[in-house]
Amino acid sequence: MKITRREALPVFAAGGVTAAGALSGLPIIGSPKALAEDLSTLMEPGPLGERIVGDENAPVTIIEYASMTCPHCRAFHKDVYPTIKEKYIDTGKAKLYFRGFPFDPSAAAATMLAECSGDKYFSMIDILYEKQSTWARGKVVEELFKISKLAGFTQESFNACLKNQELLDNVLSIQKKAAEDYGVNSTPTFFINGTKYSGNMSAEAMGEVIDSLV
C-alpha cells in the first residue's frame, strides 16, 4: 500500500490544528502488493532504528509489522502479547522487534507520534491500541492529541511531530521495504527467526513456534 506524503499529513496553521478531523476523511490509499520475498536484509535496522522488547541476545527473534488502526493488531497486543512477553520475552527466550506498517493516514500519524514520544514509545503503542476505537474513527487529530498529552506532548510538539517530513518519509520507507522486499501485505505479519506468519496468531500457536526454536 502506498500512502503519499500529501495524503498522510494533516494541514496545520501556525496557531495550531486548523482541520481537526482532516485525517479521518482521507481514504485508504490503494492496496498492498507483495512484490518479492527477499529476506536477506530483514534484520538490518531501518532509518528509524529498532524498537525492541527483550534481551537482544535471545535466541528467538520475533519481528512484528503492525498498523495502529488494525483491529487484529490490537487483539494481538491485548490478548496474546502479554502471555508471550511473560513466558518467552521476560525469560530471555525471545525478543520482539516492533515495526510500523501503516495501512492508512491515521495509522501513519499515530506511528509518527509514537516515534516522537522517545522512551515512552511502547507506552504510546499500548495506549493507542487501548483507545483505538476512540481515535481511529471520527475526529482523529483531536483524539490523538488527547492521547499524546498523556505522554507529555504540548500542542506545539504535537504539531511539530506531524509536520516532520523526514519522519514521515522514514515511516513510509519502512512500510514500502516490508511490502516490496518481504511480501508483507496484511497486518499483523510476524517473522519468527525468518519464517513469515500472516495474521493474528494465538498465544498457543506462537508459543509452539518459539518452543521449537529454543
N, C-alpha and C. Protein backbone atom coordinates (compact mmCIF):
# COMPACT_ATOMS: atom_id res chain seq x y z
N MET A 1 0.84 -1.19 0.00
CA MET A 1 0.00 0.00 0.00
C MET A 1 0.88 1.24 0.00
N LYS A 2 0.52 2.21 -0.77
CA LYS A 2 1.28 3.44 -0.84
C LYS A 2 0.46 4.58 -0.29
N ILE A 3 1.00 5.25 0.71
CA ILE A 3 0.37 6.45 1.26
C ILE A 3 1.25 7.62 0.84
N THR A 4 0.69 8.57 0.12
CA THR A 4 1.50 9.69 -0.31
C THR A 4 1.72 10.66 0.84
N ARG A 5 2.77 11.45 0.74
CA ARG A 5 3.06 12.42 1.81
C ARG A 5 1.90 13.40 1.97
N ARG A 6 1.33 13.83 0.85
CA ARG A 6 0.24 14.80 0.93
C ARG A 6 -0.96 14.21 1.65
N GLU A 7 -1.25 12.95 1.38
CA GLU A 7 -2.43 12.31 1.95
C GLU A 7 -2.22 11.94 3.42
N ALA A 8 -0.99 11.67 3.81
CA ALA A 8 -0.75 11.20 5.18
C ALA A 8 -0.65 12.33 6.17
N LEU A 9 -0.31 13.53 5.72
CA LEU A 9 -0.04 14.62 6.65
C LEU A 9 -1.19 15.59 6.72
N PRO A 10 -1.71 15.86 7.93
CA PRO A 10 -2.78 16.84 8.07
C PRO A 10 -2.26 18.26 7.87
N VAL A 11 -3.17 19.20 7.68
CA VAL A 11 -2.79 20.59 7.47
C VAL A 11 -2.84 21.35 8.79
N PHE A 12 -1.77 22.04 9.11
CA PHE A 12 -1.70 22.83 10.33
C PHE A 12 -1.43 24.29 9.99
N ALA A 13 -1.86 25.14 10.87
CA ALA A 13 -1.53 26.55 10.76
C ALA A 13 -0.63 26.90 11.94
N ALA A 14 -0.03 28.08 11.90
CA ALA A 14 0.89 28.47 12.95
C ALA A 14 0.25 28.44 14.32
N GLY A 15 -1.04 28.71 14.38
CA GLY A 15 -1.71 28.74 15.67
C GLY A 15 -2.20 27.40 16.16
N GLY A 16 -2.02 26.33 15.38
CA GLY A 16 -2.48 25.02 15.82
C GLY A 16 -3.20 24.30 14.71
N VAL A 17 -3.92 23.25 15.06
CA VAL A 17 -4.62 22.45 14.06
C VAL A 17 -5.77 23.25 13.47
N THR A 18 -5.83 23.33 12.17
CA THR A 18 -6.92 24.05 11.52
C THR A 18 -7.96 23.11 10.95
N ALA A 19 -7.61 21.82 10.83
CA ALA A 19 -8.57 20.83 10.33
C ALA A 19 -8.51 19.63 11.25
N ALA A 20 -9.18 19.75 12.39
CA ALA A 20 -9.04 18.74 13.45
C ALA A 20 -9.41 17.35 12.97
N GLY A 21 -10.30 17.25 12.01
CA GLY A 21 -10.69 15.93 11.53
C GLY A 21 -10.11 15.60 10.18
N ALA A 22 -9.06 16.29 9.77
CA ALA A 22 -8.55 16.12 8.40
C ALA A 22 -8.18 14.68 8.09
N LEU A 23 -7.49 14.02 9.01
CA LEU A 23 -7.03 12.67 8.73
C LEU A 23 -8.18 11.70 8.56
N SER A 24 -9.26 11.91 9.33
CA SER A 24 -10.34 10.93 9.32
C SER A 24 -11.06 10.88 7.98
N GLY A 25 -10.98 11.94 7.20
CA GLY A 25 -11.67 11.96 5.93
C GLY A 25 -10.85 11.43 4.78
N LEU A 26 -9.63 11.02 5.04
CA LEU A 26 -8.76 10.55 3.98
C LEU A 26 -8.95 9.06 3.74
N PRO A 27 -8.97 8.63 2.49
CA PRO A 27 -9.22 7.22 2.20
C PRO A 27 -7.98 6.37 2.39
N ILE A 28 -8.20 5.06 2.51
CA ILE A 28 -7.09 4.13 2.42
C ILE A 28 -6.51 4.26 1.01
N ILE A 29 -5.21 4.26 0.92
CA ILE A 29 -4.56 4.51 -0.36
C ILE A 29 -4.23 3.20 -1.05
N GLY A 30 -4.98 2.86 -2.08
CA GLY A 30 -4.67 1.68 -2.87
C GLY A 30 -4.78 0.40 -2.06
N SER A 31 -3.98 -0.59 -2.44
CA SER A 31 -3.94 -1.85 -1.72
C SER A 31 -2.52 -2.38 -1.74
N PRO A 32 -2.11 -3.06 -0.66
CA PRO A 32 -0.73 -3.54 -0.59
C PRO A 32 -0.47 -4.64 -1.61
N LYS A 33 0.71 -4.66 -2.18
CA LYS A 33 1.07 -5.70 -3.13
C LYS A 33 2.42 -6.30 -2.72
N ALA A 34 2.43 -7.61 -2.54
CA ALA A 34 3.68 -8.29 -2.22
C ALA A 34 4.44 -8.51 -3.52
N LEU A 35 5.56 -7.83 -3.67
CA LEU A 35 6.30 -7.91 -4.92
C LEU A 35 7.42 -8.94 -4.87
N ALA A 36 7.94 -9.22 -3.67
CA ALA A 36 9.05 -10.16 -3.56
C ALA A 36 9.15 -10.62 -2.12
N GLU A 37 9.99 -11.62 -1.89
CA GLU A 37 10.26 -12.05 -0.52
C GLU A 37 11.75 -12.29 -0.38
N ASP A 38 12.51 -11.24 -0.50
CA ASP A 38 13.95 -11.29 -0.31
C ASP A 38 14.24 -10.92 1.13
N LEU A 39 14.52 -11.91 1.97
CA LEU A 39 14.70 -11.67 3.40
C LEU A 39 16.14 -11.39 3.79
N SER A 40 17.00 -11.17 2.82
CA SER A 40 18.43 -11.01 3.12
C SER A 40 18.72 -9.79 3.99
N THR A 41 17.84 -8.79 3.95
CA THR A 41 18.08 -7.58 4.74
C THR A 41 17.09 -7.45 5.90
N LEU A 42 16.35 -8.51 6.19
CA LEU A 42 15.29 -8.43 7.19
C LEU A 42 15.78 -7.94 8.54
N MET A 43 16.98 -8.34 8.93
CA MET A 43 17.49 -7.98 10.26
C MET A 43 18.23 -6.65 10.27
N GLU A 44 18.34 -6.00 9.13
CA GLU A 44 19.01 -4.70 9.10
C GLU A 44 18.07 -3.62 9.63
N PRO A 45 18.53 -2.80 10.56
CA PRO A 45 17.66 -1.74 11.08
C PRO A 45 17.32 -0.72 10.01
N GLY A 46 16.09 -0.23 10.04
CA GLY A 46 15.66 0.78 9.09
C GLY A 46 16.11 2.16 9.51
N PRO A 47 15.61 3.19 8.83
CA PRO A 47 16.06 4.55 9.10
C PRO A 47 15.67 5.07 10.48
N LEU A 48 14.74 4.41 11.15
CA LEU A 48 14.34 4.84 12.50
C LEU A 48 14.96 3.96 13.59
N GLY A 49 15.88 3.08 13.18
CA GLY A 49 16.45 2.16 14.15
C GLY A 49 15.45 1.07 14.48
N GLU A 50 15.65 0.40 15.61
CA GLU A 50 14.74 -0.68 16.00
C GLU A 50 14.11 -0.38 17.35
N ARG A 51 12.88 -0.81 17.50
CA ARG A 51 12.18 -0.77 18.77
C ARG A 51 12.08 -2.22 19.25
N ILE A 52 12.82 -2.54 20.30
CA ILE A 52 12.98 -3.93 20.72
C ILE A 52 12.52 -4.11 22.15
N VAL A 53 11.80 -5.20 22.39
CA VAL A 53 11.44 -5.62 23.73
C VAL A 53 12.15 -6.94 23.99
N GLY A 54 12.90 -7.00 25.10
CA GLY A 54 13.59 -8.24 25.45
C GLY A 54 15.09 -8.15 25.29
N ASP A 55 15.74 -9.25 25.60
CA ASP A 55 17.18 -9.37 25.54
C ASP A 55 17.61 -9.50 24.08
N GLU A 56 18.48 -8.61 23.64
CA GLU A 56 18.92 -8.64 22.25
C GLU A 56 19.67 -9.92 21.91
N ASN A 57 20.14 -10.65 22.91
CA ASN A 57 20.84 -11.91 22.67
C ASN A 57 19.92 -13.12 22.74
N ALA A 58 18.62 -12.90 22.90
CA ALA A 58 17.68 -14.01 22.96
C ALA A 58 17.73 -14.82 21.66
N PRO A 59 17.62 -16.14 21.75
CA PRO A 59 17.79 -16.99 20.55
C PRO A 59 16.67 -16.88 19.52
N VAL A 60 15.49 -16.43 19.94
CA VAL A 60 14.37 -16.33 19.00
C VAL A 60 14.04 -14.86 18.76
N THR A 61 13.96 -14.48 17.51
CA THR A 61 13.63 -13.11 17.13
C THR A 61 12.25 -13.07 16.49
N ILE A 62 11.37 -12.29 17.09
CA ILE A 62 10.04 -12.07 16.54
C ILE A 62 10.00 -10.66 15.97
N ILE A 63 9.75 -10.53 14.69
CA ILE A 63 9.57 -9.22 14.08
C ILE A 63 8.09 -9.07 13.76
N GLU A 64 7.48 -8.02 14.27
CA GLU A 64 6.06 -7.78 14.01
C GLU A 64 5.89 -6.52 13.17
N TYR A 65 5.16 -6.63 12.08
CA TYR A 65 4.73 -5.47 11.30
C TYR A 65 3.26 -5.23 11.62
N ALA A 66 2.95 -4.02 12.08
CA ALA A 66 1.60 -3.74 12.56
C ALA A 66 1.15 -2.34 12.15
N SER A 67 -0.14 -2.22 11.96
CA SER A 67 -0.77 -0.92 11.70
C SER A 67 -1.55 -0.52 12.93
N MET A 68 -1.41 0.72 13.35
CA MET A 68 -2.04 1.16 14.59
C MET A 68 -3.56 1.21 14.50
N THR A 69 -4.13 1.20 13.30
CA THR A 69 -5.58 1.20 13.15
C THR A 69 -6.13 -0.20 12.90
N CYS A 70 -5.29 -1.20 12.92
CA CYS A 70 -5.68 -2.58 12.61
C CYS A 70 -6.29 -3.25 13.85
N PRO A 71 -7.55 -3.68 13.80
CA PRO A 71 -8.16 -4.33 14.96
C PRO A 71 -7.51 -5.66 15.30
N HIS A 72 -6.98 -6.37 14.31
CA HIS A 72 -6.31 -7.64 14.58
C HIS A 72 -4.99 -7.41 15.33
N CYS A 73 -4.32 -6.31 15.00
CA CYS A 73 -3.09 -5.95 15.72
C CYS A 73 -3.42 -5.61 17.17
N ARG A 74 -4.51 -4.88 17.35
CA ARG A 74 -4.94 -4.55 18.70
C ARG A 74 -5.26 -5.81 19.49
N ALA A 75 -5.95 -6.75 18.85
CA ALA A 75 -6.30 -8.00 19.53
C ALA A 75 -5.05 -8.77 19.93
N PHE A 76 -4.04 -8.78 19.06
CA PHE A 76 -2.79 -9.46 19.40
C PHE A 76 -2.16 -8.84 20.63
N HIS A 77 -2.06 -7.52 20.64
CA HIS A 77 -1.38 -6.85 21.76
C HIS A 77 -2.19 -6.91 23.05
N LYS A 78 -3.49 -7.02 22.93
CA LYS A 78 -4.33 -7.10 24.12
C LYS A 78 -4.42 -8.51 24.67
N ASP A 79 -4.57 -9.50 23.78
CA ASP A 79 -4.90 -10.85 24.22
C ASP A 79 -3.76 -11.86 24.15
N VAL A 80 -2.78 -11.60 23.28
CA VAL A 80 -1.72 -12.59 23.05
C VAL A 80 -0.36 -12.12 23.57
N TYR A 81 -0.02 -10.90 23.25
CA TYR A 81 1.31 -10.38 23.60
C TYR A 81 1.65 -10.50 25.09
N PRO A 82 0.72 -10.20 26.02
CA PRO A 82 1.08 -10.32 27.44
C PRO A 82 1.56 -11.73 27.81
N THR A 83 0.94 -12.75 27.24
CA THR A 83 1.36 -14.13 27.52
C THR A 83 2.73 -14.41 26.92
N ILE A 84 2.94 -13.98 25.68
CA ILE A 84 4.24 -14.19 25.01
C ILE A 84 5.35 -13.45 25.77
N LYS A 85 5.05 -12.25 26.22
CA LYS A 85 6.05 -11.48 26.94
C LYS A 85 6.42 -12.17 28.26
N GLU A 86 5.42 -12.60 28.99
CA GLU A 86 5.69 -13.23 30.29
C GLU A 86 6.44 -14.56 30.13
N LYS A 87 6.00 -15.37 29.17
CA LYS A 87 6.54 -16.72 29.07
C LYS A 87 7.85 -16.80 28.29
N TYR A 88 8.03 -15.92 27.31
CA TYR A 88 9.18 -16.06 26.42
C TYR A 88 10.11 -14.85 26.42
N ILE A 89 9.55 -13.64 26.40
CA ILE A 89 10.42 -12.46 26.31
C ILE A 89 11.07 -12.16 27.65
N ASP A 90 10.29 -12.16 28.72
CA ASP A 90 10.84 -11.86 30.05
C ASP A 90 11.78 -12.94 30.55
N THR A 91 11.69 -14.13 29.99
CA THR A 91 12.57 -15.23 30.41
C THR A 91 13.81 -15.36 29.54
N GLY A 92 13.97 -14.45 28.57
CA GLY A 92 15.17 -14.44 27.75
C GLY A 92 15.17 -15.40 26.59
N LYS A 93 14.02 -16.01 26.29
CA LYS A 93 13.97 -16.95 25.18
C LYS A 93 13.71 -16.25 23.85
N ALA A 94 13.05 -15.11 23.90
CA ALA A 94 12.70 -14.42 22.66
C ALA A 94 12.77 -12.92 22.85
N LYS A 95 12.90 -12.22 21.75
CA LYS A 95 12.84 -10.76 21.73
C LYS A 95 11.89 -10.36 20.61
N LEU A 96 11.28 -9.19 20.74
CA LEU A 96 10.33 -8.73 19.74
C LEU A 96 10.76 -7.39 19.16
N TYR A 97 10.81 -7.33 17.84
CA TYR A 97 11.06 -6.09 17.11
C TYR A 97 9.70 -5.60 16.61
N PHE A 98 9.35 -4.38 16.97
CA PHE A 98 8.07 -3.82 16.55
C PHE A 98 8.32 -2.81 15.44
N ARG A 99 7.71 -3.03 14.27
CA ARG A 99 7.88 -2.15 13.13
C ARG A 99 6.52 -1.70 12.61
N GLY A 100 6.38 -0.39 12.43
CA GLY A 100 5.13 0.15 11.95
C GLY A 100 4.91 -0.13 10.47
N PHE A 101 3.67 -0.49 10.13
CA PHE A 101 3.26 -0.72 8.74
C PHE A 101 1.89 -0.06 8.56
N PRO A 102 1.85 1.27 8.51
CA PRO A 102 0.56 1.97 8.50
C PRO A 102 -0.26 1.69 7.25
N PHE A 103 -1.52 1.31 7.46
CA PHE A 103 -2.40 1.00 6.36
C PHE A 103 -3.19 2.21 5.88
N ASP A 104 -3.15 3.30 6.61
CA ASP A 104 -3.95 4.47 6.25
C ASP A 104 -3.31 5.70 6.88
N PRO A 105 -3.73 6.89 6.50
CA PRO A 105 -3.13 8.11 7.04
C PRO A 105 -3.25 8.23 8.55
N SER A 106 -4.34 7.77 9.14
CA SER A 106 -4.49 7.85 10.59
C SER A 106 -3.43 7.01 11.28
N ALA A 107 -3.19 5.81 10.75
CA ALA A 107 -2.16 4.94 11.32
C ALA A 107 -0.77 5.55 11.15
N ALA A 108 -0.54 6.21 10.01
CA ALA A 108 0.74 6.87 9.80
C ALA A 108 0.97 7.96 10.85
N ALA A 109 -0.07 8.74 11.13
CA ALA A 109 0.05 9.80 12.14
C ALA A 109 0.32 9.21 13.51
N ALA A 110 -0.38 8.13 13.88
CA ALA A 110 -0.17 7.51 15.18
C ALA A 110 1.24 6.95 15.29
N THR A 111 1.74 6.36 14.21
CA THR A 111 3.11 5.83 14.20
C THR A 111 4.12 6.94 14.41
N MET A 112 3.91 8.07 13.76
CA MET A 112 4.80 9.21 13.93
C MET A 112 4.80 9.71 15.37
N LEU A 113 3.64 9.79 15.97
CA LEU A 113 3.55 10.28 17.35
C LEU A 113 4.24 9.32 18.32
N ALA A 114 4.12 8.03 18.07
CA ALA A 114 4.83 7.07 18.92
C ALA A 114 6.33 7.27 18.80
N GLU A 115 6.81 7.49 17.57
CA GLU A 115 8.24 7.74 17.37
C GLU A 115 8.69 9.01 18.09
N CYS A 116 7.85 10.03 18.06
CA CYS A 116 8.21 11.30 18.69
C CYS A 116 8.17 11.25 20.22
N SER A 117 7.58 10.18 20.77
CA SER A 117 7.46 10.10 22.22
C SER A 117 8.73 9.60 22.90
N GLY A 118 9.74 9.24 22.11
CA GLY A 118 11.03 8.86 22.67
C GLY A 118 10.96 7.60 23.50
N ASP A 119 11.43 7.69 24.76
CA ASP A 119 11.47 6.49 25.60
C ASP A 119 10.09 6.06 26.07
N LYS A 120 9.07 6.80 25.70
CA LYS A 120 7.69 6.40 26.02
C LYS A 120 7.03 5.68 24.84
N TYR A 121 7.86 5.25 23.89
CA TYR A 121 7.35 4.66 22.66
C TYR A 121 6.36 3.53 22.92
N PHE A 122 6.77 2.53 23.69
CA PHE A 122 5.90 1.39 23.89
C PHE A 122 4.70 1.72 24.77
N SER A 123 4.85 2.70 25.65
CA SER A 123 3.68 3.16 26.41
C SER A 123 2.66 3.80 25.48
N MET A 124 3.16 4.55 24.49
CA MET A 124 2.26 5.14 23.50
C MET A 124 1.58 4.06 22.66
N ILE A 125 2.35 3.05 22.26
CA ILE A 125 1.77 1.96 21.48
C ILE A 125 0.64 1.31 22.28
N ASP A 126 0.89 1.07 23.57
CA ASP A 126 -0.11 0.43 24.42
C ASP A 126 -1.40 1.25 24.49
N ILE A 127 -1.27 2.54 24.72
CA ILE A 127 -2.47 3.36 24.89
C ILE A 127 -3.17 3.60 23.56
N LEU A 128 -2.41 3.67 22.47
CA LEU A 128 -3.02 3.83 21.15
C LEU A 128 -3.87 2.61 20.81
N TYR A 129 -3.39 1.43 21.15
CA TYR A 129 -4.19 0.24 20.93
C TYR A 129 -5.38 0.20 21.89
N GLU A 130 -5.14 0.54 23.15
CA GLU A 130 -6.22 0.51 24.13
C GLU A 130 -7.38 1.41 23.72
N LYS A 131 -7.04 2.58 23.18
CA LYS A 131 -8.06 3.56 22.82
C LYS A 131 -8.31 3.62 21.32
N GLN A 132 -7.96 2.57 20.63
CA GLN A 132 -8.08 2.56 19.17
C GLN A 132 -9.48 2.95 18.69
N SER A 133 -10.50 2.46 19.36
CA SER A 133 -11.86 2.72 18.91
C SER A 133 -12.26 4.18 19.06
N THR A 134 -11.55 4.94 19.90
CA THR A 134 -11.91 6.34 20.10
C THR A 134 -11.19 7.28 19.15
N TRP A 135 -10.01 6.89 18.65
CA TRP A 135 -9.27 7.82 17.80
C TRP A 135 -9.20 7.37 16.33
N ALA A 136 -9.31 6.09 16.06
CA ALA A 136 -9.11 5.62 14.69
C ALA A 136 -10.28 5.95 13.78
N ARG A 137 -11.39 6.33 14.35
CA ARG A 137 -12.55 6.76 13.58
C ARG A 137 -13.02 8.09 14.13
N GLY A 138 -13.54 8.94 13.28
CA GLY A 138 -14.08 10.20 13.77
C GLY A 138 -13.04 11.30 13.78
N LYS A 139 -12.96 12.03 14.89
CA LYS A 139 -12.07 13.19 14.99
C LYS A 139 -10.66 12.72 15.36
N VAL A 140 -9.95 12.25 14.35
CA VAL A 140 -8.69 11.56 14.57
C VAL A 140 -7.65 12.48 15.22
N VAL A 141 -7.43 13.64 14.64
CA VAL A 141 -6.40 14.55 15.14
C VAL A 141 -6.71 14.98 16.56
N GLU A 142 -7.95 15.34 16.80
CA GLU A 142 -8.36 15.79 18.14
C GLU A 142 -8.14 14.69 19.17
N GLU A 143 -8.52 13.46 18.84
CA GLU A 143 -8.38 12.35 19.78
C GLU A 143 -6.92 11.95 19.96
N LEU A 144 -6.14 12.01 18.89
CA LEU A 144 -4.71 11.70 19.01
C LEU A 144 -4.02 12.73 19.90
N PHE A 145 -4.44 13.97 19.83
CA PHE A 145 -3.83 14.98 20.69
C PHE A 145 -4.14 14.70 22.16
N LYS A 146 -5.35 14.27 22.45
CA LYS A 146 -5.70 13.93 23.84
C LYS A 146 -4.80 12.82 24.37
N ILE A 147 -4.58 11.81 23.54
CA ILE A 147 -3.71 10.71 23.94
C ILE A 147 -2.27 11.18 24.08
N SER A 148 -1.82 12.00 23.14
CA SER A 148 -0.44 12.47 23.15
C SER A 148 -0.13 13.30 24.39
N LYS A 149 -1.11 14.03 24.88
CA LYS A 149 -0.89 14.82 26.09
C LYS A 149 -0.53 13.94 27.28
N LEU A 150 -1.02 12.71 27.29
CA LEU A 150 -0.68 11.79 28.37
C LEU A 150 0.80 11.42 28.35
N ALA A 151 1.42 11.53 27.17
CA ALA A 151 2.84 11.24 27.03
C ALA A 151 3.70 12.49 27.11
N GLY A 152 3.07 13.61 27.49
CA GLY A 152 3.83 14.85 27.69
C GLY A 152 3.88 15.78 26.50
N PHE A 153 3.14 15.49 25.43
CA PHE A 153 3.13 16.39 24.28
C PHE A 153 2.39 17.68 24.62
N THR A 154 2.88 18.77 24.07
CA THR A 154 2.14 20.03 24.05
C THR A 154 1.53 20.18 22.67
N GLN A 155 0.67 21.17 22.50
CA GLN A 155 0.13 21.40 21.16
C GLN A 155 1.25 21.67 20.17
N GLU A 156 2.26 22.40 20.62
CA GLU A 156 3.38 22.74 19.74
C GLU A 156 4.16 21.50 19.33
N SER A 157 4.50 20.64 20.30
CA SER A 157 5.29 19.45 19.97
C SER A 157 4.47 18.45 19.16
N PHE A 158 3.17 18.39 19.42
CA PHE A 158 2.27 17.52 18.65
C PHE A 158 2.25 17.97 17.19
N ASN A 159 2.03 19.26 16.96
CA ASN A 159 2.02 19.79 15.60
C ASN A 159 3.35 19.56 14.90
N ALA A 160 4.45 19.80 15.63
CA ALA A 160 5.78 19.66 15.03
C ALA A 160 6.03 18.22 14.60
N CYS A 161 5.59 17.28 15.41
CA CYS A 161 5.78 15.87 15.08
C CYS A 161 5.07 15.52 13.79
N LEU A 162 3.80 15.92 13.67
CA LEU A 162 3.02 15.55 12.49
C LEU A 162 3.42 16.33 11.25
N LYS A 163 4.20 17.39 11.42
CA LYS A 163 4.70 18.15 10.27
C LYS A 163 6.13 17.76 9.90
N ASN A 164 6.67 16.75 10.59
CA ASN A 164 8.06 16.35 10.37
C ASN A 164 8.16 15.50 9.10
N GLN A 165 8.55 16.14 8.02
CA GLN A 165 8.58 15.47 6.71
C GLN A 165 9.55 14.30 6.70
N GLU A 166 10.72 14.48 7.30
CA GLU A 166 11.72 13.41 7.30
C GLU A 166 11.19 12.19 8.05
N LEU A 167 10.52 12.41 9.16
CA LEU A 167 9.96 11.31 9.93
C LEU A 167 8.92 10.56 9.10
N LEU A 168 8.02 11.28 8.45
CA LEU A 168 7.01 10.64 7.62
C LEU A 168 7.66 9.84 6.50
N ASP A 169 8.67 10.40 5.85
CA ASP A 169 9.37 9.69 4.79
C ASP A 169 9.96 8.38 5.31
N ASN A 170 10.53 8.42 6.51
CA ASN A 170 11.14 7.22 7.09
C ASN A 170 10.09 6.17 7.44
N VAL A 171 8.96 6.61 8.00
CA VAL A 171 7.87 5.68 8.31
C VAL A 171 7.40 4.98 7.05
N LEU A 172 7.20 5.75 5.99
CA LEU A 172 6.69 5.17 4.75
C LEU A 172 7.74 4.32 4.03
N SER A 173 9.02 4.63 4.23
CA SER A 173 10.05 3.82 3.59
C SER A 173 10.13 2.44 4.23
N ILE A 174 9.89 2.37 5.54
CA ILE A 174 9.87 1.07 6.22
C ILE A 174 8.71 0.23 5.72
N GLN A 175 7.55 0.87 5.56
CA GLN A 175 6.39 0.19 5.03
C GLN A 175 6.66 -0.32 3.61
N LYS A 176 7.23 0.53 2.78
CA LYS A 176 7.49 0.17 1.39
C LYS A 176 8.46 -1.00 1.29
N LYS A 177 9.51 -0.98 2.09
CA LYS A 177 10.50 -2.06 2.05
C LYS A 177 9.88 -3.38 2.49
N ALA A 178 9.05 -3.32 3.53
CA ALA A 178 8.40 -4.54 4.01
C ALA A 178 7.51 -5.14 2.94
N ALA A 179 6.76 -4.29 2.24
CA ALA A 179 5.85 -4.78 1.20
C ALA A 179 6.61 -5.31 -0.01
N GLU A 180 7.60 -4.55 -0.46
CA GLU A 180 8.26 -4.89 -1.71
C GLU A 180 9.31 -5.99 -1.57
N ASP A 181 10.01 -6.02 -0.43
CA ASP A 181 11.08 -7.00 -0.26
C ASP A 181 10.64 -8.24 0.51
N TYR A 182 9.76 -8.05 1.50
CA TYR A 182 9.43 -9.16 2.39
C TYR A 182 8.02 -9.71 2.19
N GLY A 183 7.30 -9.15 1.21
CA GLY A 183 5.99 -9.68 0.89
C GLY A 183 4.93 -9.41 1.94
N VAL A 184 5.11 -8.38 2.77
CA VAL A 184 4.11 -8.05 3.78
C VAL A 184 2.92 -7.40 3.09
N ASN A 185 1.74 -7.99 3.24
CA ASN A 185 0.55 -7.42 2.62
C ASN A 185 -0.66 -7.43 3.54
N SER A 186 -0.43 -7.71 4.81
CA SER A 186 -1.51 -7.66 5.80
C SER A 186 -0.88 -7.46 7.18
N THR A 187 -1.71 -7.05 8.11
CA THR A 187 -1.23 -6.88 9.47
C THR A 187 -2.16 -7.59 10.45
N PRO A 188 -1.59 -8.13 11.52
CA PRO A 188 -0.16 -8.20 11.77
C PRO A 188 0.51 -9.28 10.91
N THR A 189 1.76 -9.05 10.57
CA THR A 189 2.60 -10.07 9.96
C THR A 189 3.82 -10.26 10.86
N PHE A 190 4.13 -11.52 11.14
CA PHE A 190 5.27 -11.84 12.02
C PHE A 190 6.32 -12.61 11.23
N PHE A 191 7.57 -12.34 11.56
CA PHE A 191 8.69 -13.16 11.11
C PHE A 191 9.33 -13.71 12.38
N ILE A 192 9.32 -15.01 12.52
CA ILE A 192 9.91 -15.65 13.70
C ILE A 192 11.13 -16.41 13.23
N ASN A 193 12.29 -15.91 13.60
CA ASN A 193 13.57 -16.42 13.09
C ASN A 193 13.53 -16.58 11.58
N GLY A 194 12.92 -15.58 10.92
CA GLY A 194 12.95 -15.50 9.46
C GLY A 194 11.79 -16.16 8.74
N THR A 195 10.95 -16.91 9.45
CA THR A 195 9.80 -17.54 8.81
C THR A 195 8.58 -16.64 8.99
N LYS A 196 7.84 -16.43 7.89
CA LYS A 196 6.73 -15.49 7.92
C LYS A 196 5.43 -16.15 8.34
N TYR A 197 4.69 -15.43 9.20
CA TYR A 197 3.36 -15.86 9.63
C TYR A 197 2.44 -14.66 9.51
N SER A 198 1.41 -14.77 8.69
CA SER A 198 0.49 -13.66 8.47
C SER A 198 -0.77 -13.85 9.30
N GLY A 199 -1.27 -12.76 9.87
CA GLY A 199 -2.49 -12.81 10.65
C GLY A 199 -2.21 -12.92 12.13
N ASN A 200 -3.23 -12.65 12.91
CA ASN A 200 -3.13 -12.70 14.36
C ASN A 200 -2.92 -14.13 14.82
N MET A 201 -1.79 -14.41 15.46
CA MET A 201 -1.50 -15.75 15.98
C MET A 201 -2.00 -15.86 17.41
N SER A 202 -2.47 -17.02 17.77
CA SER A 202 -2.83 -17.25 19.17
C SER A 202 -1.56 -17.42 19.99
N ALA A 203 -1.69 -17.29 21.31
CA ALA A 203 -0.54 -17.50 22.19
C ALA A 203 -0.03 -18.93 22.06
N GLU A 204 -0.95 -19.86 21.89
CA GLU A 204 -0.56 -21.27 21.77
C GLU A 204 0.24 -21.51 20.49
N ALA A 205 -0.25 -20.93 19.38
CA ALA A 205 0.42 -21.14 18.10
C ALA A 205 1.80 -20.49 18.08
N MET A 206 1.89 -19.26 18.57
CA MET A 206 3.19 -18.61 18.60
C MET A 206 4.12 -19.31 19.59
N GLY A 207 3.57 -19.75 20.71
CA GLY A 207 4.38 -20.46 21.68
C GLY A 207 4.97 -21.75 21.13
N GLU A 208 4.18 -22.47 20.32
CA GLU A 208 4.68 -23.70 19.72
C GLU A 208 5.85 -23.42 18.78
N VAL A 209 5.74 -22.34 18.02
CA VAL A 209 6.83 -21.98 17.11
C VAL A 209 8.08 -21.63 17.90
N ILE A 210 7.92 -20.81 18.93
CA ILE A 210 9.09 -20.41 19.75
C ILE A 210 9.71 -21.61 20.42
N ASP A 211 8.88 -22.48 20.99
CA ASP A 211 9.40 -23.68 21.67
C ASP A 211 10.22 -24.55 20.73
N SER A 212 9.82 -24.59 19.46
CA SER A 212 10.54 -25.44 18.51
C SER A 212 11.90 -24.85 18.15
N LEU A 213 12.12 -23.59 18.50
CA LEU A 213 13.37 -22.92 18.11
C LEU A 213 14.33 -22.71 19.28
N VAL A 214 13.85 -22.89 20.49
CA VAL A 214 14.70 -22.65 21.67
C VAL A 214 15.61 -23.86 21.91
